[in-house]
Amino acid sequence: MACILAGICVLTTSDIRRGDAFDGRVVLPFLQCRQHPSEKYRLVYIEQENDWVVLESSSKSGQVVHARGSGLAGLEAAALVFMKNVRT
């Protein structure tokens, strides 16, 4: 899991030395960073259920779930959907 998250962090962080990790696009219970309101897609880890979720924020429909899965397989699937949709 750490390797996948590290790769996402490197690919999505605009200023790797001074910026927020993941540019605020990933929500983890053990990492606090500013969330950018302009970002549509977020990768969220729900610790209680061990689930990874890709959410799209929309003013019309609220939040839409694009992927959801448990454990390592869930992270792999969610990471693919997330990286396909996120601007780098």
Protein backbone atom coordinates (compact mmCIF):
# COMPACT_ATOMS: atom_id res chain seq x y z
CA MET A 1 0.00 0.00 0.00
CA ALA A 2 2.81 2.39 0.86
CA CYS A 3 4.34 2.08 -2.62
CA ILE A 4 1.05 2.88 -4.34
CA LEU A 5 0.42 5.89 -2.08
CA ALA A 6 3.99 7.15 -2.55
CA GLY A 7 3.60 6.95 -6.33
CA ILE A 8 0.30 8.83 -6.22
CA CYS A 9 1.88 11.46 -3.97
CA VAL A 10 4.79 12.05 -6.35
CA LEU A 11 2.52 12.22 -9.40
CA THR A 12 -0.07 14.54 -7.88
CA THR A 13 1.96 16.95 -5.73
CA SER A 14 2.89 20.09 -7.65
CA ASP A 15 5.63 21.24 -5.25
CA ILE A 16 7.00 18.10 -3.64
CA ARG A 17 9.29 19.97 -1.23
CA ARG A 18 6.94 22.68 0.08
CA GLY A 19 3.43 21.81 -1.03
CA ASP A 20 0.76 19.76 0.67
CA ALA A 21 0.97 16.03 0.12
CA PHE A 22 -1.19 14.88 -2.78
CA ASP A 23 -2.13 18.57 -3.31
CA GLY A 24 -5.04 17.90 -0.94
CA ARG A 25 -6.62 15.31 -3.24
CA VAL A 26 -6.22 12.31 -0.92
CA VAL A 27 -7.91 12.04 2.48
CA LEU A 28 -6.16 9.77 4.98
CA PRO A 29 -6.91 9.51 8.72
CA PHE A 30 -3.22 9.84 9.62
CA LEU A 31 -2.34 12.73 7.30
CA GLN A 32 -3.76 16.23 7.52
CA CYS A 33 -3.33 18.62 4.63
CA ARG A 34 -5.28 21.46 3.07
CA GLN A 35 -7.96 20.36 0.66
CA HIS A 36 -8.27 22.43 -2.47
CA PRO A 37 -11.89 23.31 -3.25
CA SER A 38 -11.23 23.37 -7.01
CA GLU A 39 -10.35 19.68 -7.15
CA LYS A 40 -13.25 17.53 -8.33
CA TYR A 41 -11.84 14.09 -7.52
CA ARG A 42 -10.68 12.77 -4.16
CA LEU A 43 -9.28 9.45 -3.02
CA VAL A 44 -10.58 8.73 0.49
CA TYR A 45 -9.64 5.97 2.93
CA ILE A 46 -12.38 4.92 5.35
CA GLU A 47 -10.46 3.33 8.21
CA GLN A 48 -13.41 1.71 10.02
CA GLU A 49 -14.35 -0.31 6.93
CA ASN A 50 -10.86 -0.59 5.38
CA ASP A 51 -12.38 0.85 2.17
CA TRP A 52 -10.87 3.08 -0.51
CA VAL A 53 -13.31 5.39 -2.30
CA VAL A 54 -12.94 7.73 -5.28
CA LEU A 55 -15.38 10.64 -4.98
CA GLU A 56 -16.29 13.29 -7.52
CA SER A 57 -17.64 16.55 -6.14
CA SER A 58 -20.30 18.19 -8.26
CA SER A 59 -22.44 21.24 -7.58
CA LYS A 60 -25.43 19.57 -9.26
CA SER A 61 -25.40 16.08 -7.79
CA GLY A 62 -23.26 16.47 -4.66
CA GLN A 63 -20.74 13.66 -4.40
CA VAL A 64 -20.63 10.73 -6.82
CA VAL A 65 -18.78 7.51 -5.98
CA HIS A 66 -16.70 6.27 -8.95
CA ALA A 67 -14.94 3.37 -7.22
CA ARG A 68 -15.03 1.60 -3.89
CA GLY A 69 -13.12 -1.41 -2.65
CA SER A 70 -11.57 -3.02 0.40
CA GLY A 71 -7.96 -3.67 1.27
CA LEU A 72 -5.09 -3.73 -1.19
CA ALA A 73 -7.28 -4.74 -4.14
CA GLY A 74 -9.59 -1.82 -3.35
CA LEU A 75 -6.65 0.60 -3.25
CA GLU A 76 -5.34 -0.70 -6.58
CA ALA A 77 -8.71 -0.27 -8.29
CA ALA A 78 -9.36 3.12 -6.69
CA ALA A 79 -5.85 4.36 -7.57
CA LEU A 80 -6.37 3.49 -11.24
CA VAL A 81 -9.72 5.31 -11.39
CA PHE A 82 -8.35 8.27 -9.41
CA MET A 83 -5.23 8.75 -11.56
CA LYS A 84 -7.27 8.43 -14.76
CA ASN A 85 -9.50 11.30 -13.69
CA VAL A 86 -7.17 13.63 -11.79
CA ARG A 87 -5.27 16.53 -13.36
CA THR A 88 -1.55 16.38 -12.69
